[in-house]
PDB file of N, CA and C in Angstrom:
ATOM      1  N   UNK A   1       0.873  -1.153  -0.018  1.00  0.00           N
ATOM      2  CA  UNK A   1       0.031  -0.143  -0.014  1.00  0.00           C
ATOM      3  C   UNK A   1       0.870   1.288   0.348  1.00  0.00           C
ATOM      4  N   UNK A   2       0.561   2.023  -0.950  1.00  0.00           N
ATOM      5  CA  UNK A   2       1.160   3.272  -1.151  1.00  0.00           C
ATOM      6  C   UNK A   2       0.603   4.669  -0.614  1.00  0.00           C
ATOM      7  N   UNK A   3       1.024   5.425   0.301  1.00  0.00           N
ATOM      8  CA  UNK A   3       0.226   6.749   1.041  1.00  0.00           C
ATOM      9  C   UNK A   3       1.091   7.635   0.391  1.00  0.00           C
ATOM     10  N   UNK A   4       0.025   8.841   0.456  1.00  0.00           N
ATOM     11  CA  UNK A   4       0.417  10.078  -0.132  1.00  0.00           C
ATOM     12  C   UNK A   4       0.336  10.969   1.082  1.00  0.00           C
ATOM     13  N   UNK A   5       1.565  11.451   1.560  1.00  0.00           N
ATOM     14  CA  UNK A   5       1.345  12.720   2.715  1.00  0.00           C
ATOM     15  C   UNK A   5       0.270  13.681   2.412  1.00  0.00           C
ATOM     16  N   UNK A   6      -0.318  13.837   3.443  1.00  0.00           N
ATOM     17  CA  UNK A   6      -1.395  15.096   3.843  1.00  0.00           C
ATOM     18  C   UNK A   6      -1.290  16.122   3.058  1.00  0.00           C
ATOM     19  N   UNK A   7      -0.011  16.569   2.923  1.00  0.00           N
ATOM     20  CA  UNK A   7       0.008  18.194   2.345  1.00  0.00           C
ATOM     21  C   UNK A   7       0.144  17.902   0.541  1.00  0.00           C
ATOM     22  N   UNK A   8       0.515  16.640   0.269  1.00  0.00           N
ATOM     23  CA  UNK A   8       0.471  16.347  -1.194  1.00  0.00           C
ATOM     24  C   UNK A   8      -0.853  15.878  -1.560  1.00  0.00           C
ATOM     25  N   UNK A   9      -1.497  15.142  -0.548  1.00  0.00           N
ATOM     26  CA  UNK A   9      -3.075  14.475  -1.150  1.00  0.00           C
ATOM     27  C   UNK A   9      -4.014  15.870  -1.343  1.00  0.00           C
ATOM     28  N   UNK A  10      -3.693  16.789  -0.612  1.00  0.00           N
ATOM     29  CA  UNK A  10      -4.320  17.935  -0.925  1.00  0.00           C
ATOM     30  C   UNK A  10      -4.453  18.643  -2.209  1.00  0.00           C
ATOM     31  N   UNK A  11      -3.187  18.306  -2.741  1.00  0.00           N
ATOM     32  CA  UNK A  11      -2.722  18.804  -4.317  1.00  0.00           C
ATOM     33  C   UNK A  11      -3.341  17.780  -5.290  1.00  0.00           C
ATOM     34  N   UNK A  12      -3.791  17.087  -4.816  1.00  0.00           N
ATOM     35  CA  UNK A  12      -4.107  16.077  -5.904  1.00  0.00           C
ATOM     36  C   UNK A  12      -2.944  14.905  -6.277  1.00  0.00           C
ATOM     37  N   UNK A  13      -1.895  14.882  -5.703  1.00  0.00           N
ATOM     38  CA  UNK A  13      -0.477  14.552  -6.251  1.00  0.00           C
ATOM     39  C   UNK A  13      -0.876  12.628  -6.181  1.00  0.00           C
ATOM     40  N   UNK A  14      -0.185  12.067  -6.673  1.00  0.00           N
ATOM     41  CA  UNK A  14      -0.357  10.623  -6.539  1.00  0.00           C
ATOM     42  C   UNK A  14       0.893  10.173  -5.542  1.00  0.00           C
ATOM     43  N   UNK A  15       0.634   8.779  -5.399  1.00  0.00           N
ATOM     44  CA  UNK A  15       1.687   8.041  -4.199  1.00  0.00           C
ATOM     45  C   UNK A  15       3.005   8.045  -4.830  1.00  0.00           C
ATOM     46  N   UNK A  16       4.060   8.362  -3.870  1.00  0.00           N
ATOM     47  CA  UNK A  16       5.392   7.962  -4.549  1.00  0.00           C
ATOM     48  C   UNK A  16       5.932   6.401  -4.495  1.00  0.00           C
ATOM     49  N   UNK A  17       6.514   6.524  -5.690  1.00  0.00           N
ATOM     50  CA  UNK A  17       7.200   4.853  -5.802  1.00  0.00           C
ATOM     51  C   UNK A  17       8.364   4.994  -5.217  1.00  0.00           C
ATOM     52  N   UNK A  18       8.702   4.325  -4.267  1.00  0.00           N
ATOM     53  CA  UNK A  18       9.641   4.033  -3.300  1.00  0.00           C
ATOM     54  C   UNK A  18      10.428   3.010  -3.750  1.00  0.00           C
ATOM     55  N   UNK A  19      10.303   2.311  -4.660  1.00  0.00           N
ATOM     56  CA  UNK A  19      11.305   0.923  -5.171  1.00  0.00           C
ATOM     57  C   UNK A  19      12.715   1.061  -5.179  1.00  0.00           C
ATOM     58  N   UNK A  20      12.875   2.569  -5.677  1.00  0.00           N
ATOM     59  CA  UNK A  20      14.211   2.636  -6.024  1.00  0.00           C
ATOM     60  C   UNK A  20      15.153   2.903  -4.571  1.00  0.00           C
ATOM     61  N   UNK A  21      14.298   3.525  -3.726  1.00  0.00           N
ATOM     62  CA  UNK A  21      14.969   3.159  -2.043  1.00  0.00           C
ATOM     63  C   UNK A  21      14.878   1.807  -1.694  1.00  0.00           C
ATOM     64  N   UNK A  22      14.006   1.263  -1.777  1.00  0.00           N
ATOM     65  CA  UNK A  22      13.447   0.063  -0.510  1.00  0.00           C
ATOM     66  C   UNK A  22      14.406  -1.377  -1.252  1.00  0.00           C
ATOM     67  N   UNK A  23      15.089  -1.067  -2.427  1.00  0.00           N
ATOM     68  CA  UNK A  23      15.639  -2.354  -3.118  1.00  0.00           C
ATOM     69  C   UNK A  23      17.232  -2.334  -2.281  1.00  0.00           C
ATOM     70  N   UNK A  24      17.469  -1.306  -1.991  1.00  0.00           N
ATOM     71  CA  UNK A  24      18.892  -1.195  -1.162  1.00  0.00           C
ATOM     72  C   UNK A  24      19.007  -0.780   0.356  1.00  0.00           C
ATOM     73  N   UNK A  25      17.539  -0.839   0.843  1.00  0.00           N
ATOM     74  CA  UNK A  25      17.252  -0.747   2.272  1.00  0.00           C
ATOM     75  C   UNK A  25      17.783  -1.718   3.020  1.00  0.00           C
ATOM     76  N   UNK A  26      18.067  -1.493   3.967  1.00  0.00           N
ATOM     77  CA  UNK A  26      18.745  -2.232   5.338  1.00  0.00           C
ATOM     78  C   UNK A  26      17.609  -2.298   6.236  1.00  0.00           C
ATOM     79  N   UNK A  27      16.682  -1.693   6.380  1.00  0.00           N
ATOM     80  CA  UNK A  27      15.488  -1.397   7.403  1.00  0.00           C
ATOM     81  C   UNK A  27      15.034  -2.603   7.956  1.00  0.00           C
ATOM     82  N   UNK A  28      15.508  -2.807   9.042  1.00  0.00           N
ATOM     83  CA  UNK A  28      15.372  -3.932   9.928  1.00  0.00           C
ATOM     84  C   UNK A  28      14.064  -4.381  10.348  1.00  0.00           C
ATOM     85  N   UNK A  29      12.843  -3.309   9.953  1.00  0.00           N
ATOM     86  CA  UNK A  29      11.514  -3.881  10.071  1.00  0.00           C
ATOM     87  C   UNK A  29      11.248  -4.518   8.956  1.00  0.00           C
ATOM     88  N   UNK A  30      11.740  -3.984   7.482  1.00  0.00           N
ATOM     89  CA  UNK A  30      11.328  -4.811   6.412  1.00  0.00           C
ATOM     90  C   UNK A  30      12.193  -5.801   6.050  1.00  0.00           C
ATOM     91  N   UNK A  31      13.370  -5.794   6.045  1.00  0.00           N
ATOM     92  CA  UNK A  31      14.294  -6.994   5.601  1.00  0.00           C
ATOM     93  C   UNK A  31      15.089  -7.791   6.691  1.00  0.00           C
ATOM     94  N   UNK A  32      13.932  -8.904   6.899  1.00  0.00           N
ATOM     95  CA  UNK A  32      14.504  -9.414   8.399  1.00  0.00           C
ATOM     96  C   UNK A  32      15.839 -10.557   8.314  1.00  0.00           C
ATOM     97  N   UNK A  33      16.001 -11.007   6.958  1.00  0.00           N
ATOM     98  CA  UNK A  33      17.150 -11.962   7.133  1.00  0.00           C
ATOM     99  C   UNK A  33      18.693 -11.200   7.002  1.00  0.00           C
ATOM    100  N   UNK A  34      19.487 -11.885   7.693  1.00  0.00           N
ATOM    101  CA  UNK A  34      21.009 -11.156   7.632  1.00  0.00           C
ATOM    102  C   UNK A  34      21.712 -11.212   6.399  1.00  0.00           C
ATOM    103  N   UNK A  35      21.426 -12.012   5.573  1.00  0.00           N
ATOM    104  CA  UNK A  35      22.040 -12.337   4.204  1.00  0.00           C
ATOM    105  C   UNK A  35      21.566 -10.894   3.237  1.00  0.00           C
ATOM    106  N   UNK A  36      20.355 -10.736   2.957  1.00  0.00           N
ATOM    107  CA  UNK A  36      20.089  -9.448   2.101  1.00  0.00           C
ATOM    108  C   UNK A  36      20.365  -8.099   2.793  1.00  0.00           C
ATOM    109  N   UNK A  37      20.570  -8.045   4.261  1.00  0.00           N
ATOM    110  CA  UNK A  37      21.137  -6.817   4.769  1.00  0.00           C
ATOM    111  C   UNK A  37      22.680  -6.737   4.483  1.00  0.00           C
ATOM    112  N   UNK A  38      23.408  -7.834   4.802  1.00  0.00           N
ATOM    113  CA  UNK A  38      24.690  -8.028   4.534  1.00  0.00           C
ATOM    114  C   UNK A  38      25.071  -7.403   3.352  1.00  0.00           C
ATOM    115  N   UNK A  39      24.263  -8.003   2.386  1.00  0.00           N
ATOM    116  CA  UNK A  39      24.798  -7.898   0.828  1.00  0.00           C
ATOM    117  C   UNK A  39      24.419  -6.303   0.361  1.00  0.00           C
ATOM    118  N   UNK A  40      23.682  -5.777   1.138  1.00  0.00           N
ATOM    119  CA  UNK A  40      23.404  -4.219   0.849  1.00  0.00           C
ATOM    120  C   UNK A  40      24.240  -3.284   1.541  1.00  0.00           C
ATOM    121  N   UNK A  41      25.467  -3.710   2.343  1.00  0.00           N
ATOM    122  CA  UNK A  41      26.273  -2.901   2.870  1.00  0.00           C
ATOM    123  C   UNK A  41      27.415  -2.457   1.732  1.00  0.00           C
ATOM    124  N   UNK A  42      27.770  -1.202   1.832  1.00  0.00           N
ATOM    125  CA  UNK A  42      28.541  -0.631   0.799  1.00  0.00           C
ATOM    126  C   UNK A  42      30.108  -0.405   1.690  1.00  0.00           C
ATOM    127  N   UNK A  43      31.177  -0.649   1.077  1.00  0.00           N
ATOM    128  CA  UNK A  43      32.821  -0.890   1.784  1.00  0.00           C
ATOM    129  C   UNK A  43      33.486   0.361   0.664  1.00  0.00           C
ATOM    130  N   UNK A  44      34.083   1.416   1.190  1.00  0.00           N
ATOM    131  CA  UNK A  44      35.058   2.139   0.779  1.00  0.00           C
ATOM    132  C   UNK A  44      34.408   3.063  -0.212  1.00  0.00           C
ATOM    133  N   UNK A  45      34.833   4.197  -0.582  1.00  0.00           N
ATOM    134  CA  UNK A  45      34.629   5.359  -1.215  1.00  0.00           C
ATOM    135  C   UNK A  45      33.960   4.936  -2.634  1.00  0.00           C
ATOM    136  N   UNK A  46      34.522   4.146  -3.288  1.00  0.00           N
ATOM    137  CA  UNK A  46      34.032   3.974  -4.904  1.00  0.00           C
ATOM    138  C   UNK A  46      32.947   3.070  -4.597  1.00  0.00           C
ATOM    139  N   UNK A  47      32.765   1.936  -4.044  1.00  0.00           N
ATOM    140  CA  UNK A  47      31.491   1.134  -3.786  1.00  0.00           C
ATOM    141  C   UNK A  47      30.350   1.960  -3.174  1.00  0.00           C
ATOM    142  N   UNK A  48      30.703   2.646  -2.188  1.00  0.00           N
ATOM    143  CA  UNK A  48      29.507   3.948  -1.886  1.00  0.00           C
ATOM    144  C   UNK A  48      28.899   4.450  -2.879  1.00  0.00           C
ATOM    145  N   UNK A  49      29.809   5.191  -3.510  1.00  0.00           N
ATOM    146  CA  UNK A  49      29.274   6.167  -4.523  1.00  0.00           C
ATOM    147  C   UNK A  49      28.650   5.127  -5.681  1.00  0.00           C
ATOM    148  N   UNK A  50      29.473   4.412  -6.197  1.00  0.00           N
ATOM    149  CA  UNK A  50      28.894   3.450  -7.378  1.00  0.00           C
ATOM    150  C   UNK A  50      27.910   2.589  -7.152  1.00  0.00           C
ATOM    151  N   UNK A  51      27.655   2.212  -6.056  1.00  0.00           N
ATOM    152  CA  UNK A  51      26.604   0.912  -5.913  1.00  0.00           C
ATOM    153  C   UNK A  51      25.576   1.535  -4.542  1.00  0.00           C
ATOM    154  N   UNK A  52      25.846   2.560  -4.278  1.00  0.00           N
ATOM    155  CA  UNK A  52      24.989   3.031  -3.471  1.00  0.00           C
ATOM    156  C   UNK A  52      24.192   4.516  -3.658  1.00  0.00           C
ATOM    157  N   UNK A  53      25.424   5.404  -3.944  1.00  0.00           N
ATOM    158  CA  UNK A  53      24.642   6.923  -4.181  1.00  0.00           C
ATOM    159  C   UNK A  53      24.235   7.095  -5.827  1.00  0.00           C
ATOM    160  N   UNK A  54      24.905   6.213  -6.412  1.00  0.00           N
ATOM    161  CA  UNK A  54      24.265   6.489  -7.799  1.00  0.00           C
ATOM    162  C   UNK A  54      23.326   5.621  -8.623  1.00  0.00           C
ATOM    163  N   UNK A  55      22.590   5.024  -7.624  1.00  0.00           N
ATOM    164  CA  UNK A  55      21.429   4.081  -7.859  1.00  0.00           C
ATOM    165  C   UNK A  55      20.126   4.869  -7.265  1.00  0.00           C
ATOM    166  N   UNK A  56      20.507   5.742  -6.445  1.00  0.00           N
ATOM    167  CA  UNK A  56      19.288   6.732  -6.088  1.00  0.00           C
ATOM    168  C   UNK A  56      18.988   7.795  -7.163  1.00  0.00           C
ATOM    169  N   UNK A  57      17.546   7.951  -7.128  1.00  0.00           N
ATOM    170  CA  UNK A  57      17.421   9.510  -7.827  1.00  0.00           C
ATOM    171  C   UNK A  57      18.267  10.838  -7.410  1.00  0.00           C
ATOM    172  N   UNK A  58      18.480  11.538  -8.509  1.00  0.00           N
ATOM    173  CA  UNK A  58      19.231  12.762  -8.124  1.00  0.00           C
ATOM    174  C   UNK A  58      18.468  13.668  -7.090  1.00  0.00           C
ATOM    175  N   UNK A  59      18.821  14.356  -6.251  1.00  0.00           N
ATOM    176  CA  UNK A  59      17.995  15.438  -5.601  1.00  0.00           C
ATOM    177  C   UNK A  59      18.578  16.770  -5.547  1.00  0.00           C
ATOM    178  N   UNK A  60      17.804  17.607  -4.773  1.00  0.00           N
ATOM    179  CA  UNK A  60      18.088  19.041  -4.753  1.00  0.00           C
ATOM    180  C   UNK A  60      17.947  19.464  -3.269  1.00  0.00           C
ATOM    181  N   UNK A  61      18.860  20.173  -2.596  1.00  0.00           N
ATOM    182  CA  UNK A  61      18.350  20.183  -1.159  1.00  0.00           C
ATOM    183  C   UNK A  61      18.633  21.815  -1.248  1.00  0.00           C
ATOM    184  N   UNK A  62      17.627  22.882  -0.814  1.00  0.00           N
ATOM    185  CA  UNK A  62      17.753  23.965  -0.788  1.00  0.00           C
ATOM    186  C   UNK A  62      18.468  24.741   0.511  1.00  0.00           C
ATOM    187  N   UNK A  63      19.556  24.580   0.519  1.00  0.00           N
ATOM    188  CA  UNK A  63      20.298  24.988   2.078  1.00  0.00           C
ATOM    189  C   UNK A  63      20.261  26.380   2.220  1.00  0.00           C
ATOM    190  N   UNK A  64      19.864  27.193   1.296  1.00  0.00           N
ATOM    191  CA  UNK A  64      19.561  28.803   1.577  1.00  0.00           C
ATOM    192  C   UNK A  64      18.361  28.851   2.096  1.00  0.00           C
ATOM    193  N   UNK A  65      17.590  27.849   2.137  1.00  0.00           N
ATOM    194  CA  UNK A  65      16.277  27.918   3.105  1.00  0.00           C
ATOM    195  C   UNK A  65      16.289  27.353   4.268  1.00  0.00           C
ATOM    196  N   UNK A  66      16.415  28.180   5.335  1.00  0.00           N
ATOM    197  CA  UNK A  66      16.542  27.367   6.634  1.00  0.00           C
ATOM    198  C   UNK A  66      15.196  26.967   7.117  1.00  0.00           C
ATOM    199  N   UNK A  67      14.011  27.295   6.509  1.00  0.00           N
ATOM    200  CA  UNK A  67      12.995  26.752   6.973  1.00  0.00           C
ATOM    201  C   UNK A  67      12.734  25.372   6.465  1.00  0.00           C
ATOM    202  N   UNK A  68      13.159  24.898   5.686  1.00  0.00           N
ATOM    203  CA  UNK A  68      12.982  23.635   5.308  1.00  0.00           C
ATOM    204  C   UNK A  68      13.908  22.292   6.104  1.00  0.00           C
ATOM    205  N   UNK A  69      14.857  22.780   7.456  1.00  0.00           N
ATOM    206  CA  UNK A  69      15.349  22.353   7.978  1.00  0.00           C
ATOM    207  C   UNK A  69      15.352  22.408   9.482  1.00  0.00           C
ATOM    208  N   UNK A  70      15.335  21.485  10.157  1.00  0.00           N
ATOM    209  CA  UNK A  70      15.342  21.457  11.687  1.00  0.00           C
ATOM    210  C   UNK A  70      16.385  20.761  12.460  1.00  0.00           C
ATOM    211  N   UNK A  71      17.143  21.566  13.174  1.00  0.00           N
ATOM    212  CA  UNK A  71      18.405  20.642  13.619  1.00  0.00           C
ATOM    213  C   UNK A  71      18.387  20.529  15.153  1.00  0.00           C
ATOM    214  N   UNK A  72      18.533  19.942  15.917  1.00  0.00           N
ATOM    215  CA  UNK A  72      18.525  19.909  17.457  1.00  0.00           C
ATOM    216  C   UNK A  72      19.943  19.065  18.096  1.00  0.00           C
ATOM    217  N   UNK A  73      20.270  19.424  18.974  1.00  0.00           N
ATOM    218  CA  UNK A  73      21.605  18.776  19.553  1.00  0.00           C
ATOM    219  C   UNK A  73      21.674  18.945  20.524  1.00  0.00           C
ATOM    220  N   UNK A  74      21.798  17.895  21.496  1.00  0.00           N
ATOM    221  CA  UNK A  74      22.265  17.857  22.925  1.00  0.00           C
ATOM    222  C   UNK A  74      23.203  17.060  23.566  1.00  0.00           C
ATOM    223  N   UNK A  75      23.580  17.434  24.666  1.00  0.00           N
ATOM    224  CA  UNK A  75      24.739  16.434  25.159  1.00  0.00           C
ATOM    225  C   UNK A  75      23.997  15.354  26.075  1.00  0.00           C
ATOM    226  N   UNK A  76      24.326  14.167  25.779  1.00  0.00           N
ATOM    227  CA  UNK A  76      23.804  12.755  26.625  1.00  0.00           C
ATOM    228  C   UNK A  76      24.869  12.326  27.649  1.00  0.00           C
ATOM    229  N   UNK A  77      24.488  11.857  28.400  1.00  0.00           N
ATOM    230  CA  UNK A  77      25.361  11.065  29.167  1.00  0.00           C
ATOM    231  C   UNK A  77      24.734   9.473  29.719  1.00  0.00           C
ATOM    232  N   UNK A  78      25.536   8.433  29.808  1.00  0.00           N
ATOM    233  CA  UNK A  78      25.135   7.260  30.074  1.00  0.00           C
ATOM    234  C   UNK A  78      24.981   6.055  29.218  1.00  0.00           C
ATOM    235  N   UNK A  79      24.978   6.501  27.616  1.00  0.00           N
ATOM    236  CA  UNK A  79      25.220   5.814  26.734  1.00  0.00           C
ATOM    237  C   UNK A  79      26.968   5.087  26.678  1.00  0.00           C
ATOM    238  N   UNK A  80      27.563   5.847  27.099  1.00  0.00           N
ATOM    239  CA  UNK A  80      28.817   5.592  27.145  1.00  0.00           C
ATOM    240  C   UNK A  80      29.656   6.014  28.025  1.00  0.00           C
ATOM    241  N   UNK A  81      30.742   5.824  28.481  1.00  0.00           N
ATOM    242  CA  UNK A  81      31.570   6.166  29.726  1.00  0.00           C
ATOM    243  C   UNK A  81      32.056   7.697  29.397  1.00  0.00           C
ATOM    244  N   UNK A  82      31.754   7.981  28.218  1.00  0.00           N
ATOM    245  CA  UNK A  82      32.036   9.321  28.087  1.00  0.00           C
ATOM    246  C   UNK A  82      30.745  10.251  27.395  1.00  0.00           C
ATOM    247  N   UNK A  83      30.486  11.604  27.733  1.00  0.00           N
ATOM    248  CA  UNK A  83      29.646  12.449  27.391  1.00  0.00           C
ATOM    249  C   UNK A  83      29.554  12.183  25.713  1.00  0.00           C
ATOM    250  N   UNK A  84      28.250  12.334  25.414  1.00  0.00           N
ATOM    251  CA  UNK A  84      27.978  12.130  23.777  1.00  0.00           C
ATOM    252  C   UNK A  84      27.417  13.412  23.213  1.00  0.00           C
ATOM    253  N   UNK A  85      27.330  13.543  22.060  1.00  0.00           N
ATOM    254  CA  UNK A  85      26.388  14.643  21.488  1.00  0.00           C
ATOM    255  C   UNK A  85      25.407  13.980  20.375  1.00  0.00           C
ATOM    256  N   UNK A  86      24.012  13.975  20.908  1.00  0.00           N
ATOM    257  CA  UNK A  86      23.020  13.261  20.204  1.00  0.00           C
ATOM    258  C   UNK A  86      22.544  14.574  19.300  1.00  0.00           C
ATOM    259  N   UNK A  87      22.344  14.068  17.815  1.00  0.00           N
ATOM    260  CA  UNK A  87      22.003  15.227  16.854  1.00  0.00           C
ATOM    261  C   UNK A  87      20.642  14.455  16.256  1.00  0.00           C
ATOM    262  N   UNK A  88      19.622  15.473  15.985  1.00  0.00           N
ATOM    263  CA  UNK A  88      18.389  14.994  15.406  1.00  0.00           C
ATOM    264  C   UNK A  88      18.207  15.976  14.335  1.00  0.00           C
ATOM    265  N   UNK A  89      17.859  15.567  13.087  1.00  0.00           N
ATOM    266  CA  UNK A  89      17.823  16.398  11.867  1.00  0.00           C
ATOM    267  C   UNK A  89      16.671  15.896  11.106  1.00  0.00           C
ATOM    268  N   UNK A  90      15.842  16.819  10.555  1.00  0.00           N
ATOM    269  CA  UNK A  90      14.630  16.889   9.996  1.00  0.00           C
ATOM    270  C   UNK A  90      14.851  17.786   8.903  1.00  0.00           C
ATOM    271  N   UNK A  91      14.692  17.529   7.382  1.00  0.00           N
ATOM    272  CA  UNK A  91      14.791  18.230   6.361  1.00  0.00           C
ATOM    273  C   UNK A  91      13.750  18.016   5.041  1.00  0.00           C
ATOM    274  N   UNK A  92      13.603  18.948   4.218  1.00  0.00           N
ATOM    275  CA  UNK A  92      12.715  18.830   3.133  1.00  0.00           C
ATOM    276  C   UNK A  92      13.825  18.575   1.975  1.00  0.00           C
ATOM    277  N   UNK A  93      13.578  17.842   0.749  1.00  0.00           N
ATOM    278  CA  UNK A  93      14.265  18.026  -0.550  1.00  0.00           C
ATOM    279  C   UNK A  93      13.284  17.666  -1.582  1.00  0.00           C
ATOM    280  N   UNK A  94      14.153  17.906  -2.852  1.00  0.00           N
ATOM    281  CA  UNK A  94      13.147  17.654  -4.167  1.00  0.00           C
ATOM    282  C   UNK A  94      13.970  16.555  -4.811  1.00  0.00           C
ATOM    283  N   UNK A  95      13.119  15.473  -5.459  1.00  0.00           N
ATOM    284  CA  UNK A  95      13.772  14.409  -5.948  1.00  0.00           C
ATOM    285  C   UNK A  95      13.335  14.702  -7.306  1.00  0.00           C
ATOM    286  N   UNK A  96      14.597  15.089  -8.262  1.00  0.00           N
ATOM    287  CA  UNK A  96      14.463  15.575  -9.734  1.00  0.00           C
ATOM    288  C   UNK A  96      14.195  14.281 -10.480  1.00  0.00           C
ATOM    289  N   UNK A  97      13.415  14.856 -11.684  1.00  0.00           N
ATOM    290  CA  UNK A  97      13.134  13.507 -12.705  1.00  0.00           C
ATOM    291  C   UNK A  97      12.929  14.270 -13.868  1.00  0.00           C
ATOM    292  N   UNK A  98      13.668  13.478 -14.732  1.00  0.00           N
ATOM    293  CA  UNK A  98      14.059  14.162 -15.966  1.00  0.00           C
ATOM    294  C   UNK A  98      12.800  14.541 -16.951  1.00  0.00           C
ATOM    295  N   UNK A  99      12.574  15.733 -17.121  1.00  0.00           N
ATOM    296  CA  UNK A  99      11.170  16.421 -17.750  1.00  0.00           C
ATOM    297  C   UNK A  99      10.143  16.095 -17.525  1.00  0.00           C
ATOM    298  N   UNK A 100      10.271  16.359 -15.906  1.00  0.00           N
ATOM    299  CA  UNK A 100       9.082  16.766 -15.323  1.00  0.00           C
ATOM    300  C   UNK A 100       9.448  16.975 -13.826  1.00  0.00           C
ATOM    301  N   UNK A 101       8.371  17.966 -13.189  1.00  0.00           N
ATOM    302  CA  UNK A 101       8.626  18.529 -11.867  1.00  0.00           C
ATOM    303  C   UNK A 101       8.849  17.398 -10.760  1.00  0.00           C
ATOM    304  N   UNK A 102       9.916  17.964  -9.954  1.00  0.00           N
ATOM    305  CA  UNK A 102      10.235  17.105  -8.744  1.00  0.00           C
ATOM    306  C   UNK A 102       9.493  16.789  -8.002  1.00  0.00           C
ATOM    307  N   UNK A 103       9.507  15.763  -7.183  1.00  0.00           N
ATOM    308  CA  UNK A 103       8.911  15.344  -6.183  1.00  0.00           C
ATOM    309  C   UNK A 103       9.237  15.864  -4.734  1.00  0.00           C
ATOM    310  N   UNK A 104       8.695  16.398  -3.877  1.00  0.00           N
ATOM    311  CA  UNK A 104       8.841  16.879  -2.510  1.00  0.00           C
ATOM    312  C   UNK A 104       8.978  15.702  -1.741  1.00  0.00           C
ATOM    313  N   UNK A 105       9.867  15.632  -0.928  1.00  0.00           N
ATOM    314  CA  UNK A 105      10.233  14.472   0.044  1.00  0.00           C
ATOM    315  C   UNK A 105      10.580  15.068   1.371  1.00  0.00           C
ATOM    316  N   UNK A 106      10.848  14.296   2.579  1.00  0.00           N
ATOM    317  CA  UNK A 106      11.344  14.709   3.376  1.00  0.00           C
ATOM    318  C   UNK A 106      12.408  13.684   4.071  1.00  0.00           C
ATOM    319  N   UNK A 107      13.223  13.963   4.898  1.00  0.00           N
ATOM    320  CA  UNK A 107      14.094  12.858   5.669  1.00  0.00           C
ATOM    321  C   UNK A 107      14.409  13.317   7.255  1.00  0.00           C
ATOM    322  N   UNK A 108      14.518  12.172   7.906  1.00  0.00           N
ATOM    323  CA  UNK A 108      14.954  12.244   9.143  1.00  0.00           C
ATOM    324  C   UNK A 108      16.349  11.345   9.538  1.00  0.00           C
ATOM    325  N   UNK A 109      17.307  12.137  10.067  1.00  0.00           N
ATOM    326  CA  UNK A 109      18.652  11.222  10.657  1.00  0.00           C
ATOM    327  C   UNK A 109      18.690  11.706  11.975  1.00  0.00           C
ATOM    328  N   UNK A 110      19.398  10.581  12.653  1.00  0.00           N
ATOM    329  CA  UNK A 110      19.831  10.830  14.056  1.00  0.00           C
ATOM    330  C   UNK A 110      21.388  10.573  13.987  1.00  0.00           C
ATOM    331  N   UNK A 111      22.265  10.992  14.526  1.00  0.00           N
ATOM    332  CA  UNK A 111      23.644  10.843  14.664  1.00  0.00           C
ATOM    333  C   UNK A 111      23.715  10.835  16.273  1.00  0.00           C
ATOM    334  N   UNK A 112      24.784   9.884  16.847  1.00  0.00           N
ATOM    335  CA  UNK A 112      25.442   9.937  18.092  1.00  0.00           C
ATOM    336  C   UNK A 112      26.777  10.319  17.974  1.00  0.00           C
ATOM    337  N   UNK A 113      27.351  11.186  18.436  1.00  0.00           N
ATOM    338  CA  UNK A 113      28.997  11.564  18.251  1.00  0.00           C
ATOM    339  C   UNK A 113      29.501  11.329  19.910  1.00  0.00           C
ATOM    340  N   UNK A 114      30.254  10.272  19.552  1.00  0.00           N
ATOM    341  CA  UNK A 114      31.293   9.890  20.793  1.00  0.00           C
ATOM    342  C   UNK A 114      32.835   9.935  20.709  1.00  0.00           C
ATOM    343  N   UNK A 115      33.529  10.348  21.643  1.00  0.00           N
ATOM    344  CA  UNK A 115      35.093  10.150  21.321  1.00  0.00           C
ATOM    345  C   UNK A 115      35.336   8.940  21.098  1.00  0.00           C
ATOM    346  N   UNK A 116      36.306   8.551  20.524  1.00  0.00           N
ATOM    347  CA  UNK A 116      36.759   7.357  19.912  1.00  0.00           C
ATOM    348  C   UNK A 116      37.496   6.451  21.327  1.00  0.00           C
ATOM    349  N   UNK A 117      37.488   5.409  21.373  1.00  0.00           N
ATOM    350  CA  UNK A 117      38.080   4.464  22.753  1.00  0.00           C
ATOM    351  C   UNK A 117      39.406   4.759  22.843  1.00  0.00           C
ATOM    352  N   UNK A 118      40.232   4.791  23.815  1.00  0.00           N
ATOM    353  CA  UNK A 118      41.339   4.807  23.839  1.00  0.00           C
ATOM    354  C   UNK A 118      42.094   3.958  23.021  1.00  0.00           C
ATOM    355  N   UNK A 119      43.475   4.233  22.362  1.00  0.00           N
ATOM    356  CA  UNK A 119      44.130   3.172  21.318  1.00  0.00           C
ATOM    357  C   UNK A 119      43.503   2.198  20.593  1.00  0.00           C
ATOM    358  N   UNK A 120      42.333   3.385  19.918  1.00  0.00           N
ATOM    359  CA  UNK A 120      41.688   2.453  18.923  1.00  0.00           C
ATOM    360  C   UNK A 120      42.300   3.118  17.426  1.00  0.00           C
TER     361      UNK A 120
END
């Protein structure tokens, strides 16, 4: 079942086709077996670019418009022996398609930044 986000539904837009993303997904709620998850890992600069990034649609992120991004960060303790920085980011982007108007999409990313262990 494909859903249309409410803001796009009001404009009469059709559901997105996520196949180009899901064939590379390692989402643990969708890809249950270890073998397919492992085969979808990319190692090294060339493999990441050639097998990962070049197979997804081109995108445009308007970094000049701060209203399209929300970033929150804070220090947190208790995860590791050291203090970590937790970063949560939400943003909007346009997925570019040749010959037609791009689709508006959004993303969420979470990062935990921690110091490297001694002697690592």
